[in-house]
């Protein structure tokens, strides 16, 4: 029995928001408690101190840009990996792949992100999901 499938949309949003907050909290905790052997050593500190303040600021900006881009949750609460998955599936369908070749999980992704009748936006009918009409 798929509990997530049987939940109301409000409960799904609530679970998604809780998961999003737990991920962000874990990232914040790891950032403040985890020591990185590459950067937390004397040789690195000496190298960093040998840079001019302008160069140090430039590298800090690069690091900030790279770190912020690693965030796995978008501003509206969706997981980036899920959005990437949906985008890849959409691209396959737009390129001519028949929806009957999609895995069950791929169809569920599309259903969750594009709606119950996602297949209509690609020009297919519900019976096209299980077999190819020849």
Protein backbone atom coordinates (compact mmCIF):
# COMPACT_ATOMS: atom_id res chain seq x y z
CA UNK A 1 0.00 0.00 0.00
CA UNK A 2 1.46 3.35 -1.04
CA UNK A 3 0.73 5.73 1.86
CA UNK A 4 2.07 8.78 0.03
CA UNK A 5 -0.27 8.14 -2.90
CA UNK A 6 -3.33 8.06 -0.63
CA UNK A 7 -2.50 11.30 1.23
CA UNK A 8 -4.27 14.57 0.63
CA UNK A 9 -2.35 17.25 -1.22
CA UNK A 10 -2.13 19.35 1.98
CA UNK A 11 -0.41 16.48 3.79
CA UNK A 12 1.96 15.98 0.86
CA UNK A 13 2.90 19.67 0.93
CA UNK A 14 3.39 19.49 4.69
CA UNK A 15 5.68 16.46 4.36
CA UNK A 16 7.58 18.11 1.53
CA UNK A 17 8.10 21.28 3.62
CA UNK A 18 9.25 19.27 6.64
CA UNK A 19 11.70 17.34 4.48
CA UNK A 20 12.97 20.57 2.94
CA UNK A 21 13.56 22.09 6.39
CA UNK A 22 15.33 18.95 7.67
CA UNK A 23 17.67 18.98 4.66
CA UNK A 24 18.50 22.66 5.16
CA UNK A 25 19.02 22.15 8.91
CA UNK A 26 21.35 19.23 8.24
CA UNK A 27 23.32 21.29 5.72
CA UNK A 28 23.63 24.18 8.21
CA UNK A 29 24.78 21.83 10.99
CA UNK A 30 27.33 20.13 8.76
CA UNK A 31 28.64 23.48 7.60
CA UNK A 32 29.30 24.63 11.17
CA UNK A 33 30.53 21.38 12.73
CA UNK A 34 32.41 19.57 10.01
CA UNK A 35 36.13 20.22 9.61
CA UNK A 36 37.49 19.90 6.13
CA UNK A 37 41.03 18.44 6.06
CA UNK A 38 41.75 20.30 2.82
CA UNK A 39 40.98 23.78 4.15
CA UNK A 40 41.49 23.38 7.91
CA UNK A 41 45.23 22.87 7.86
CA UNK A 42 48.25 25.08 8.40
CA UNK A 43 49.56 24.93 4.84
CA UNK A 44 46.23 26.13 3.41
CA UNK A 45 46.00 28.91 5.98
CA UNK A 46 49.52 30.10 5.07
CA UNK A 47 48.64 30.05 1.38
CA UNK A 48 45.42 31.97 2.03
CA UNK A 49 47.24 34.56 4.12
CA UNK A 50 49.76 35.09 1.32
CA UNK A 51 46.97 36.28 -1.02
CA UNK A 52 46.05 39.92 -1.28
CA UNK A 53 42.70 40.94 0.31
CA UNK A 54 41.22 41.39 -3.19
CA UNK A 55 42.25 37.85 -4.21
CA UNK A 56 40.90 36.42 -0.94
CA UNK A 57 37.57 38.16 -1.53
CA UNK A 58 37.43 36.84 -5.11
CA UNK A 59 38.00 33.24 -3.94
CA UNK A 60 35.44 33.64 -1.16
CA UNK A 61 32.91 34.79 -3.78
CA UNK A 62 33.72 31.74 -5.94
CA UNK A 63 33.20 29.47 -2.93
CA UNK A 64 29.95 31.16 -1.99
CA UNK A 65 28.66 30.84 -5.57
CA UNK A 66 29.58 27.15 -5.71
CA UNK A 67 28.09 26.42 -2.29
CA UNK A 68 24.81 28.22 -2.95
CA UNK A 69 24.44 26.42 -6.27
CA UNK A 70 24.71 23.10 -4.45
CA UNK A 71 21.43 23.68 -2.59
CA UNK A 72 19.25 20.66 -3.35
CA UNK A 73 15.93 22.40 -2.66
CA UNK A 74 14.49 25.16 -4.84
CA UNK A 75 12.87 28.28 -3.37
CA UNK A 76 9.37 26.85 -3.82
CA UNK A 77 10.26 23.65 -1.98
CA UNK A 78 10.79 21.22 -4.86
CA UNK A 79 13.79 18.94 -4.88
CA UNK A 80 16.16 19.83 -7.73
CA UNK A 81 16.79 16.15 -8.52
CA UNK A 82 13.06 15.58 -9.01
CA UNK A 83 12.77 18.62 -11.27
CA UNK A 84 15.74 17.40 -13.30
CA UNK A 85 14.14 13.96 -13.58
CA UNK A 86 10.86 15.43 -14.83
CA UNK A 87 12.75 17.61 -17.33
CA UNK A 88 14.62 14.59 -18.69
CA UNK A 89 11.43 12.56 -19.06
CA UNK A 90 9.68 15.45 -20.79
CA UNK A 91 12.61 15.78 -23.19
CA UNK A 92 12.43 12.06 -24.03
CA UNK A 93 8.69 12.31 -24.78
CA UNK A 94 9.13 15.49 -26.81
CA UNK A 95 11.84 13.72 -28.81
CA UNK A 96 9.40 11.00 -29.84
CA UNK A 97 9.62 8.34 -27.17
CA UNK A 98 6.25 6.64 -26.69
CA UNK A 99 4.90 6.89 -23.10
CA UNK A 100 4.33 3.13 -22.95
CA UNK A 101 8.13 2.75 -22.70
CA UNK A 102 8.28 4.79 -19.48
CA UNK A 103 8.84 3.00 -16.19
CA UNK A 104 6.10 3.09 -13.56
CA UNK A 105 8.18 5.49 -11.43
CA UNK A 106 8.69 7.87 -14.37
CA UNK A 107 4.95 8.00 -14.97
CA UNK A 108 4.42 8.73 -11.26
CA UNK A 109 6.92 11.60 -11.41
CA UNK A 110 5.04 13.15 -14.31
CA UNK A 111 1.71 12.63 -12.59
CA UNK A 112 2.94 14.29 -9.37
CA UNK A 113 4.56 17.27 -11.09
CA UNK A 114 2.39 17.81 -14.18
CA UNK A 115 -0.99 16.57 -12.99
CA UNK A 116 -3.24 13.55 -13.33
CA UNK A 117 -3.60 13.83 -17.13
CA UNK A 118 0.02 14.76 -17.92
CA UNK A 119 -0.03 12.61 -21.07
CA UNK A 120 -2.52 14.93 -22.80
CA UNK A 121 0.09 17.71 -22.98
CA UNK A 122 2.16 15.37 -25.17
CA UNK A 123 -0.78 14.44 -27.42
CA UNK A 124 -1.50 11.01 -25.94
CA UNK A 125 -4.54 9.32 -24.45
CA UNK A 126 -4.71 7.36 -21.22
CA UNK A 127 -4.72 4.02 -23.04
CA UNK A 128 -1.41 5.01 -24.71
CA UNK A 129 0.33 4.70 -21.34
CA UNK A 130 0.23 0.91 -21.34
CA UNK A 131 0.69 -0.02 -24.99
CA UNK A 132 1.56 1.37 -28.38
CA UNK A 133 -1.26 1.64 -30.90
CA UNK A 134 -0.16 0.36 -34.28
